[in-house]
Amino acid sequence: MNLSAGILTIRESKFYKTRLAPMSPALNGALGEYVAQRAKDRSAPSEAALFLTRTGTPVARHTAENVFSRLRAHAGVQRHDGGRYQPRLHDLRHAFAVHTGCGVFCWNT
């Protein structure tokens, strides 16, 4: 992540590619605050994963999906069209990519 340039580096995403994505000023500011707070709480190398557990290890995918599911249920976000599956974390990522044009503006390295 390069906060001064407003660029987020997504490592080993789909097909194990690394991608660069521009960040909005709001996201850049929020992530800057998170990184500053994380630096105060514990020492994490700058090349460490962005989201870490209490023990300093990267958050596993299944953990992120579980937290998203619990937050979604708590917020009352659910499908009402009779669909079998409730919104997933991946659905949020897909909606973001489609509605922001990230598919056009994100690039591979």
Protein backbone atom coordinates (compact mmCIF):
# COMPACT_ATOMS: atom_id res chain seq x y z
CA MET A 1 0.00 0.00 0.00
CA ASN A 2 1.30 3.41 -0.92
CA LEU A 3 -0.72 5.97 1.04
CA SER A 4 1.06 8.97 -0.44
CA ALA A 5 0.15 7.82 -3.97
CA GLY A 6 -3.27 6.46 -2.97
CA ILE A 7 -2.47 3.00 -4.37
CA LEU A 8 -3.42 -0.30 -2.76
CA THR A 9 -1.32 -3.35 -3.63
CA ILE A 10 -3.32 -6.59 -3.64
CA ARG A 11 -0.90 -9.48 -3.56
CA GLU A 12 -1.56 -12.93 -4.99
CA SER A 13 -5.20 -12.36 -5.88
CA LYS A 14 -7.10 -14.28 -8.53
CA PHE A 15 -4.74 -16.51 -10.52
CA TYR A 16 -1.97 -15.54 -8.04
CA LYS A 17 -1.51 -12.12 -9.62
CA THR A 18 -0.54 -8.95 -7.81
CA ARG A 19 -2.77 -6.00 -8.63
CA LEU A 20 -2.57 -2.28 -7.98
CA ALA A 21 -5.81 -0.43 -7.24
CA PRO A 22 -6.36 3.30 -6.79
CA MET A 23 -8.02 4.32 -3.53
CA SER A 24 -10.55 7.06 -2.95
CA PRO A 25 -9.48 9.86 -0.62
CA ALA A 26 -11.92 8.54 2.03
CA LEU A 27 -10.49 5.01 1.89
CA ASN A 28 -6.95 6.34 1.84
CA GLY A 29 -7.65 8.40 4.97
CA ALA A 30 -9.35 5.52 6.80
CA LEU A 31 -6.52 3.12 6.01
CA GLY A 32 -3.97 5.75 7.03
CA GLU A 33 -5.66 6.06 10.43
CA TYR A 34 -5.78 2.26 10.78
CA VAL A 35 -2.09 1.86 9.93
CA ALA A 36 -1.13 4.66 12.37
CA GLN A 37 -3.18 3.04 15.15
CA ARG A 38 -1.74 -0.38 14.38
CA ALA A 39 1.77 1.05 14.62
CA LYS A 40 0.96 2.42 18.09
CA ASP A 41 -0.55 -0.87 19.28
CA ARG A 42 2.20 -3.22 18.13
CA SER A 43 5.19 -3.19 15.90
CA ALA A 44 4.31 -4.63 12.51
CA PRO A 45 6.71 -4.45 9.60
CA SER A 46 5.52 -2.20 6.78
CA GLU A 47 5.53 -5.20 4.41
CA ALA A 48 3.19 -7.15 6.72
CA ALA A 49 -0.33 -7.95 5.60
CA LEU A 50 -2.70 -5.01 6.12
CA PHE A 51 -5.15 -6.79 8.40
CA LEU A 52 -3.59 -8.79 11.21
CA THR A 53 -4.94 -10.91 14.04
CA ARG A 54 -4.19 -10.13 17.69
CA THR A 55 -1.14 -12.37 17.43
CA GLY A 56 0.21 -10.47 14.41
CA THR A 57 -0.57 -13.10 11.75
CA PRO A 58 -2.50 -12.27 8.57
CA VAL A 59 -6.27 -12.66 8.83
CA ALA A 60 -7.26 -15.93 7.12
CA ARG A 61 -9.90 -15.85 4.40
CA HIS A 62 -12.34 -18.03 6.36
CA THR A 63 -12.02 -15.68 9.34
CA ALA A 64 -12.81 -12.63 7.20
CA GLU A 65 -15.78 -14.44 5.65
CA ASN A 66 -17.08 -15.46 9.09
CA VAL A 67 -16.79 -11.92 10.45
CA PHE A 68 -18.54 -10.54 7.35
CA SER A 69 -21.35 -13.08 7.76
CA ARG A 70 -21.87 -12.11 11.41
CA LEU A 71 -21.78 -8.37 10.62
CA ARG A 72 -24.21 -8.86 7.73
CA ALA A 73 -26.65 -10.74 9.96
CA HIS A 74 -26.29 -8.16 12.75
CA ALA A 75 -27.00 -5.33 10.29
CA GLY A 76 -30.03 -7.20 8.92
CA VAL A 77 -28.66 -7.35 5.37
CA GLN A 78 -30.22 -10.32 3.60
CA ARG A 79 -31.64 -11.43 0.31
CA HIS A 80 -35.39 -11.17 -0.12
CA ASP A 81 -35.63 -12.68 -3.60
CA GLY A 82 -35.85 -16.28 -2.45
CA GLY A 83 -32.22 -16.97 -3.31
CA ARG A 84 -30.56 -19.80 -1.43
CA TYR A 85 -27.37 -18.01 -0.40
CA GLN A 86 -27.10 -14.78 1.55
CA PRO A 87 -24.69 -12.06 0.42
CA ARG A 88 -21.07 -13.13 0.80
CA LEU A 89 -17.87 -11.17 1.20
CA HIS A 90 -17.02 -11.99 -2.42
CA ASP A 91 -20.35 -10.47 -3.52
CA LEU A 92 -19.31 -7.19 -1.90
CA ARG A 93 -15.99 -7.28 -3.76
CA HIS A 94 -17.77 -8.05 -7.03
CA ALA A 95 -20.30 -5.24 -6.56
CA PHE A 96 -17.48 -2.82 -5.83
CA ALA A 97 -15.56 -3.84 -8.93
CA VAL A 98 -18.63 -3.57 -11.17
CA HIS A 99 -20.07 -0.33 -9.81
CA THR A 100 -16.81 1.60 -9.48
CA GLY A 101 -15.30 0.51 -12.77
CA CYS A 102 -12.38 -1.05 -10.87
CA GLY A 103 -12.16 -3.67 -13.58
CA VAL A 104 -11.12 -0.87 -15.91
CA PHE A 105 -8.91 1.07 -13.52
CA CYS A 106 -7.16 -1.71 -11.63
CA TRP A 107 -4.05 -3.04 -13.29
CA ASN A 108 -1.76 -6.02 -12.93
CA THR A 109 1.90 -5.73 -12.07
